[in-house]
Amino acid sequence: QVHLVESGGGLVQAGGSLRLSCAASKSPFSINAMAMGWYRQAPGKQRALVATIGSGGTTNYADSVKGRFTISRDNAKNTVYLQMNSLKPEDTAVYYCNVASGGLQVSYWGQGTQVTVSS
């Protein structure tokens, strides 16, 4: 069972920045060969994709965060990051880290970290 530990959430004013981190450990598989990503869930809404990064570095972003958020990964540390700039109140949500492999048919989730953006 992969263990994911998220950090970096908090309270920030609109226009501010936060950097989320998610470190993976205890994996029976190579994290480097797996896709990593961030999802978020706002109150009363379904969990939605924010950004993903493949094992080769290919990235994908939700339209609502393009140009403001940047996802990256450090394979040596089994860690994925989400740099969030120009934050808006509508970015307020619990952010979840995900590590997945379609080939292995596995998907693991972190416990979530709260991001609150005040207006």
C-alpha atoms as a PDB file:
ATOM      1  CA  GLN A   1       0.000   0.000   0.000  1.00  0.00           C
ATOM      2  CA  VAL A   2       1.489   3.336  -1.087  1.00  0.00           C
ATOM      3  CA  HIS A   3       1.608   5.928   1.680  1.00  0.00           C
ATOM      4  CA  LEU A   4       1.088   9.544   0.537  1.00  0.00           C
ATOM      5  CA  VAL A   5       1.766  12.488   2.820  1.00  0.00           C
ATOM      6  CA  GLU A   6       0.624  15.939   1.686  1.00  0.00           C
ATOM      7  CA  SER A   7       1.759  19.269   3.058  1.00  0.00           C
ATOM      8  CA  GLY A   8       1.684  22.956   2.228  1.00  0.00           C
ATOM      9  CA  GLY A   9      -1.976  23.821   2.511  1.00  0.00           C
ATOM     10  CA  GLY A  10      -3.245  26.789   4.478  1.00  0.00           C
ATOM     11  CA  LEU A  11      -4.995  30.130   4.404  1.00  0.00           C
ATOM     12  CA  VAL A  12      -3.934  32.759   1.886  1.00  0.00           C
ATOM     13  CA  GLN A  13      -5.381  35.975   0.519  1.00  0.00           C
ATOM     14  CA  ALA A  14      -6.586  36.215  -3.047  1.00  0.00           C
ATOM     15  CA  GLY A  15      -3.666  36.797  -5.384  1.00  0.00           C
ATOM     16  CA  GLY A  16      -1.291  34.940  -3.122  1.00  0.00           C
ATOM     17  CA  SER A  17       0.648  31.720  -3.635  1.00  0.00           C
ATOM     18  CA  LEU A  18       0.983  28.322  -2.015  1.00  0.00           C
ATOM     19  CA  ARG A  19       3.086  25.276  -2.813  1.00  0.00           C
ATOM     20  CA  LEU A  20       1.714  21.821  -2.084  1.00  0.00           C
ATOM     21  CA  SER A  21       3.942  18.773  -1.708  1.00  0.00           C
ATOM     22  CA  CYS A  22       3.115  15.087  -1.675  1.00  0.00           C
ATOM     23  CA  ALA A  23       5.703  12.482  -0.751  1.00  0.00           C
ATOM     24  CA  ALA A  24       5.116   8.840  -1.597  1.00  0.00           C
ATOM     25  CA  SER A  25       6.573   5.939   0.364  1.00  0.00           C
ATOM     26  CA  LYS A  26       6.105   2.234   1.093  1.00  0.00           C
ATOM     27  CA  SER A  27       5.295   1.512  -2.523  1.00  0.00           C
ATOM     28  CA  PRO A  28       5.648  -2.024  -3.864  1.00  0.00           C
ATOM     29  CA  PHE A  29       5.960  -0.447  -7.314  1.00  0.00           C
ATOM     30  CA  SER A  30       8.300   2.108  -8.796  1.00  0.00           C
ATOM     31  CA  ILE A  31       6.726   5.531  -8.238  1.00  0.00           C
ATOM     32  CA  ASN A  32       8.840   6.850 -11.096  1.00  0.00           C
ATOM     33  CA  ALA A  33       6.830   4.727 -13.524  1.00  0.00           C
ATOM     34  CA  MET A  34       3.483   5.994 -12.261  1.00  0.00           C
ATOM     35  CA  ALA A  35       1.441   9.095 -12.970  1.00  0.00           C
ATOM     36  CA  MET A  36       1.070  11.590 -10.152  1.00  0.00           C
ATOM     37  CA  GLY A  37      -1.532  14.279  -9.774  1.00  0.00           C
ATOM     38  CA  TRP A  38      -3.602  16.653  -7.723  1.00  0.00           C
ATOM     39  CA  TYR A  39      -7.364  16.755  -7.387  1.00  0.00           C
ATOM     40  CA  ARG A  40      -9.583  19.010  -5.316  1.00  0.00           C
ATOM     41  CA  GLN A  41     -12.977  18.875  -3.715  1.00  0.00           C
ATOM     42  CA  ALA A  42     -14.866  22.000  -2.752  1.00  0.00           C
ATOM     43  CA  PRO A  43     -17.801  21.885  -0.309  1.00  0.00           C
ATOM     44  CA  GLY A  44     -20.866  20.418  -1.973  1.00  0.00           C
ATOM     45  CA  LYS A  45     -18.979  19.496  -5.131  1.00  0.00           C
ATOM     46  CA  GLN A  46     -17.422  16.357  -6.559  1.00  0.00           C
ATOM     47  CA  ARG A  47     -13.693  15.761  -6.539  1.00  0.00           C
ATOM     48  CA  ALA A  48     -12.180  17.198  -9.715  1.00  0.00           C
ATOM     49  CA  LEU A  49      -8.864  17.015 -11.516  1.00  0.00           C
ATOM     50  CA  VAL A  50      -6.473  19.925 -11.010  1.00  0.00           C
ATOM     51  CA  ALA A  51      -3.302  18.678 -12.710  1.00  0.00           C
ATOM     52  CA  THR A  52      -1.461  15.486 -13.534  1.00  0.00           C
ATOM     53  CA  ILE A  53       2.089  14.647 -14.562  1.00  0.00           C
ATOM     54  CA  GLY A  54       3.065  11.428 -16.261  1.00  0.00           C
ATOM     55  CA  SER A  55       6.133   9.333 -15.681  1.00  0.00           C
ATOM     56  CA  GLY A  56       7.754  11.030 -18.661  1.00  0.00           C
ATOM     57  CA  GLY A  57       6.879  14.522 -17.474  1.00  0.00           C
ATOM     58  CA  THR A  58       3.828  15.168 -19.645  1.00  0.00           C
ATOM     59  CA  THR A  59       1.461  17.509 -17.843  1.00  0.00           C
ATOM     60  CA  ASN A  60      -2.281  18.089 -17.985  1.00  0.00           C
ATOM     61  CA  TYR A  61      -4.231  20.903 -16.317  1.00  0.00           C
ATOM     62  CA  ALA A  62      -7.825  21.784 -15.677  1.00  0.00           C
ATOM     63  CA  ASP A  63      -8.802  24.839 -17.730  1.00  0.00           C
ATOM     64  CA  SER A  64      -9.556  26.780 -14.555  1.00  0.00           C
ATOM     65  CA  VAL A  65      -5.936  26.613 -13.354  1.00  0.00           C
ATOM     66  CA  LYS A  66      -3.985  26.859 -16.601  1.00  0.00           C
ATOM     67  CA  GLY A  67      -1.413  29.637 -16.449  1.00  0.00           C
ATOM     68  CA  ARG A  68      -1.670  29.887 -12.648  1.00  0.00           C
ATOM     69  CA  PHE A  69      -0.718  26.431 -11.347  1.00  0.00           C
ATOM     70  CA  THR A  70       2.355  24.350 -12.164  1.00  0.00           C
ATOM     71  CA  ILE A  71       2.763  20.665 -11.387  1.00  0.00           C
ATOM     72  CA  SER A  72       6.200  19.083 -11.133  1.00  0.00           C
ATOM     73  CA  ARG A  73       7.779  15.953  -9.736  1.00  0.00           C
ATOM     74  CA  ASP A  74      11.094  14.931  -8.198  1.00  0.00           C
ATOM     75  CA  ASN A  75      11.573  11.248  -8.951  1.00  0.00           C
ATOM     76  CA  ALA A  76      14.587  10.985  -6.648  1.00  0.00           C
ATOM     77  CA  LYS A  77      12.346  11.993  -3.747  1.00  0.00           C
ATOM     78  CA  ASN A  78       9.131  10.294  -4.965  1.00  0.00           C
ATOM     79  CA  THR A  79       7.477  13.671  -4.536  1.00  0.00           C
ATOM     80  CA  VAL A  80       5.010  15.690  -6.580  1.00  0.00           C
ATOM     81  CA  TYR A  81       4.510  19.430  -6.177  1.00  0.00           C
ATOM     82  CA  LEU A  82       1.798  21.894  -7.074  1.00  0.00           C
ATOM     83  CA  GLN A  83       2.827  25.531  -7.262  1.00  0.00           C
ATOM     84  CA  MET A  84      -0.294  27.661  -7.053  1.00  0.00           C
ATOM     85  CA  ASN A  85      -0.062  31.340  -7.974  1.00  0.00           C
ATOM     86  CA  SER A  86      -2.663  34.076  -8.373  1.00  0.00           C
ATOM     87  CA  LEU A  87      -4.999  32.159  -6.113  1.00  0.00           C
ATOM     88  CA  LYS A  88      -8.705  32.942  -6.222  1.00  0.00           C
ATOM     89  CA  PRO A  89     -11.445  32.316  -3.642  1.00  0.00           C
ATOM     90  CA  GLU A  90     -12.883  29.674  -5.978  1.00  0.00           C
ATOM     91  CA  ASP A  91      -9.674  27.679  -5.533  1.00  0.00           C
ATOM     92  CA  THR A  92     -10.743  26.986  -1.957  1.00  0.00           C
ATOM     93  CA  ALA A  93     -11.001  23.219  -1.506  1.00  0.00           C
ATOM     94  CA  VAL A  94      -9.419  20.152  -0.008  1.00  0.00           C
ATOM     95  CA  TYR A  95      -6.571  19.142  -2.295  1.00  0.00           C
ATOM     96  CA  TYR A  96      -5.756  15.462  -2.699  1.00  0.00           C
ATOM     97  CA  CYS A  97      -2.618  13.847  -4.059  1.00  0.00           C
ATOM     98  CA  ASN A  98      -2.990  10.823  -6.321  1.00  0.00           C
ATOM     99  CA  VAL A  99      -0.540   8.234  -7.624  1.00  0.00           C
ATOM    100  CA  ALA A 100      -1.829   5.827 -10.234  1.00  0.00           C
ATOM    101  CA  SER A 101      -0.934   3.322 -12.877  1.00  0.00           C
ATOM    102  CA  GLY A 102      -3.403   2.165 -15.489  1.00  0.00           C
ATOM    103  CA  GLY A 103      -1.207  -0.740 -16.413  1.00  0.00           C
ATOM    104  CA  LEU A 104      -1.005  -1.939 -12.824  1.00  0.00           C
ATOM    105  CA  GLN A 105      -4.641  -0.969 -12.208  1.00  0.00           C
ATOM    106  CA  VAL A 106      -3.803   0.816  -8.962  1.00  0.00           C
ATOM    107  CA  SER A 107      -4.689   4.247  -7.633  1.00  0.00           C
ATOM    108  CA  TYR A 108      -3.710   5.679  -4.284  1.00  0.00           C
ATOM    109  CA  TRP A 109      -4.906   8.822  -2.528  1.00  0.00           C
ATOM    110  CA  GLY A 110      -3.483  11.058   0.152  1.00  0.00           C
ATOM    111  CA  GLN A 111      -5.475  12.249   3.137  1.00  0.00           C
ATOM    112  CA  GLY A 112      -6.017  15.725   1.693  1.00  0.00           C
ATOM    113  CA  THR A 113      -4.836  19.192   2.648  1.00  0.00           C
ATOM    114  CA  GLN A 114      -7.085  22.228   3.038  1.00  0.00           C
ATOM    115  CA  VAL A 115      -6.481  25.306   0.911  1.00  0.00           C
ATOM    116  CA  THR A 116      -8.526  28.380   1.778  1.00  0.00           C
ATOM    117  CA  VAL A 117      -8.330  31.572  -0.257  1.00  0.00           C
ATOM    118  CA  SER A 118      -9.889  34.646   1.293  1.00  0.00           C
ATOM    119  CA  SER A 119     -11.199  37.553  -0.763  1.00  0.00           C
END
